[in-house]
Amino acid sequence: MPNRFLCPKCHGQRTISCTFCGGSGRRSIAGVTIGNCKECNGAGQRRCDVCGGTGEIEAVQRRSGSYASFARQMIPF
């Protein structure tokens, strides 16, 4: 079993679209461009906050029996 997996947010691309400018790289008010986005410095891309820009995350160890105990708590017999 591999011990590293692709990041679920950026899918291994290491960057995501800037949420402040919508990926355009420009600040605008009512459709009028004011200047470059200060969050991404005009690039339109930001480093992924889940993987930190590596593109991979560590594997999570599953505990055996945790699903069964959860089901016992949720389903009364």
C-alpha atoms as a PDB file:
ATOM      1  CA  MET A   1       0.000   0.000   0.000  1.00  0.00           C
ATOM      2  CA  PRO A   2       1.457   3.396  -0.907  1.00  0.00           C
ATOM      3  CA  ASN A   3       2.165   5.767   1.941  1.00  0.00           C
ATOM      4  CA  ARG A   4       1.483   8.980  -0.037  1.00  0.00           C
ATOM      5  CA  PHE A   5      -1.519   9.964  -2.155  1.00  0.00           C
ATOM      6  CA  LEU A   6      -2.350  12.861  -4.485  1.00  0.00           C
ATOM      7  CA  CYS A   7      -3.830  15.863  -2.749  1.00  0.00           C
ATOM      8  CA  PRO A   8      -7.652  15.815  -2.947  1.00  0.00           C
ATOM      9  CA  LYS A   9      -7.885  19.585  -3.430  1.00  0.00           C
ATOM     10  CA  CYS A  10      -5.245  20.369  -6.095  1.00  0.00           C
ATOM     11  CA  HIS A  11      -4.986  16.801  -7.538  1.00  0.00           C
ATOM     12  CA  GLY A  12      -1.187  16.965  -7.549  1.00  0.00           C
ATOM     13  CA  GLN A  13      -0.965  20.294  -9.421  1.00  0.00           C
ATOM     14  CA  ARG A  14       0.388  22.041  -6.270  1.00  0.00           C
ATOM     15  CA  THR A  15      -1.572  25.250  -6.912  1.00  0.00           C
ATOM     16  CA  ILE A  16      -5.239  26.203  -6.848  1.00  0.00           C
ATOM     17  CA  SER A  17      -7.133  29.096  -8.375  1.00  0.00           C
ATOM     18  CA  CYS A  18      -7.062  32.261  -6.277  1.00  0.00           C
ATOM     19  CA  THR A  19     -10.361  32.674  -4.445  1.00  0.00           C
ATOM     20  CA  PHE A  20     -10.034  36.444  -4.065  1.00  0.00           C
ATOM     21  CA  CYS A  21      -9.752  37.349  -7.750  1.00  0.00           C
ATOM     22  CA  GLY A  22     -11.398  34.222  -9.188  1.00  0.00           C
ATOM     23  CA  GLY A  23      -8.224  33.225 -11.020  1.00  0.00           C
ATOM     24  CA  SER A  24      -8.013  36.349 -13.169  1.00  0.00           C
ATOM     25  CA  GLY A  25      -5.114  37.925 -11.243  1.00  0.00           C
ATOM     26  CA  ARG A  26      -6.795  41.347 -11.313  1.00  0.00           C
ATOM     27  CA  ARG A  27      -8.776  43.289  -8.745  1.00  0.00           C
ATOM     28  CA  SER A  28     -11.939  44.811 -10.084  1.00  0.00           C
ATOM     29  CA  ILE A  29     -14.918  46.752  -8.804  1.00  0.00           C
ATOM     30  CA  ALA A  30     -18.087  46.657 -10.900  1.00  0.00           C
ATOM     31  CA  GLY A  31     -16.126  45.250 -13.850  1.00  0.00           C
ATOM     32  CA  VAL A  32     -13.482  48.016 -13.822  1.00  0.00           C
ATOM     33  CA  THR A  33      -9.932  46.716 -13.313  1.00  0.00           C
ATOM     34  CA  ILE A  34      -8.125  48.493 -10.483  1.00  0.00           C
ATOM     35  CA  GLY A  35      -4.842  46.592 -10.402  1.00  0.00           C
ATOM     36  CA  ASN A  36      -3.251  43.257  -9.580  1.00  0.00           C
ATOM     37  CA  CYS A  37      -4.669  40.979  -6.904  1.00  0.00           C
ATOM     38  CA  LYS A  38      -2.714  41.398  -3.674  1.00  0.00           C
ATOM     39  CA  GLU A  39      -3.306  37.807  -2.521  1.00  0.00           C
ATOM     40  CA  CYS A  40      -1.785  36.077  -5.566  1.00  0.00           C
ATOM     41  CA  ASN A  41       0.357  38.998  -6.863  1.00  0.00           C
ATOM     42  CA  GLY A  42      -1.427  38.948 -10.212  1.00  0.00           C
ATOM     43  CA  ALA A  43      -0.708  35.280 -10.983  1.00  0.00           C
ATOM     44  CA  GLY A  44      -4.254  34.011 -10.479  1.00  0.00           C
ATOM     45  CA  GLN A  45      -2.886  30.916  -8.713  1.00  0.00           C
ATOM     46  CA  ARG A  46      -2.150  30.255  -5.045  1.00  0.00           C
ATOM     47  CA  ARG A  47      -0.268  27.482  -3.272  1.00  0.00           C
ATOM     48  CA  CYS A  48      -2.577  24.690  -2.139  1.00  0.00           C
ATOM     49  CA  ASP A  49      -3.421  25.012   1.544  1.00  0.00           C
ATOM     50  CA  VAL A  50      -4.102  21.285   2.042  1.00  0.00           C
ATOM     51  CA  CYS A  51      -0.773  19.840   0.858  1.00  0.00           C
ATOM     52  CA  GLY A  52       1.322  23.002   1.243  1.00  0.00           C
ATOM     53  CA  GLY A  53       2.434  22.888  -2.388  1.00  0.00           C
ATOM     54  CA  THR A  54       3.879  19.365  -2.399  1.00  0.00           C
ATOM     55  CA  GLY A  55       1.007  17.812  -4.375  1.00  0.00           C
ATOM     56  CA  GLU A  56       0.865  14.772  -2.072  1.00  0.00           C
ATOM     57  CA  ILE A  57      -0.507  13.961   1.357  1.00  0.00           C
ATOM     58  CA  GLU A  58       0.405  11.233   3.844  1.00  0.00           C
ATOM     59  CA  ALA A  59      -1.735   8.100   4.020  1.00  0.00           C
ATOM     60  CA  VAL A  60      -4.067   7.844   6.985  1.00  0.00           C
ATOM     61  CA  GLN A  61      -3.897   4.605   8.943  1.00  0.00           C
ATOM     62  CA  ARG A  62      -7.324   3.019   9.356  1.00  0.00           C
ATOM     63  CA  ARG A  63      -8.181   1.421  12.653  1.00  0.00           C
ATOM     64  CA  SER A  64      -9.729  -2.004  12.439  1.00  0.00           C
ATOM     65  CA  GLY A  65     -13.143  -2.258  14.045  1.00  0.00           C
ATOM     66  CA  SER A  66     -13.806   1.471  14.152  1.00  0.00           C
ATOM     67  CA  TYR A  67     -16.608   1.218  11.598  1.00  0.00           C
ATOM     68  CA  ALA A  68     -18.298  -1.612  13.464  1.00  0.00           C
ATOM     69  CA  SER A  69     -18.258   0.272  16.755  1.00  0.00           C
ATOM     70  CA  PHE A  70     -19.658   3.364  15.027  1.00  0.00           C
ATOM     71  CA  ALA A  71     -22.471   1.301  13.506  1.00  0.00           C
ATOM     72  CA  ARG A  72     -23.291  -0.184  16.911  1.00  0.00           C
ATOM     73  CA  GLN A  73     -23.647   3.299  18.357  1.00  0.00           C
ATOM     74  CA  MET A  74     -25.941   4.494  15.564  1.00  0.00           C
ATOM     75  CA  ILE A  75     -28.206   1.450  15.119  1.00  0.00           C
ATOM     76  CA  PRO A  76     -30.060   0.331  18.259  1.00  0.00           C
ATOM     77  CA  PHE A  77     -30.843  -3.393  18.469  1.00  0.00           C
END
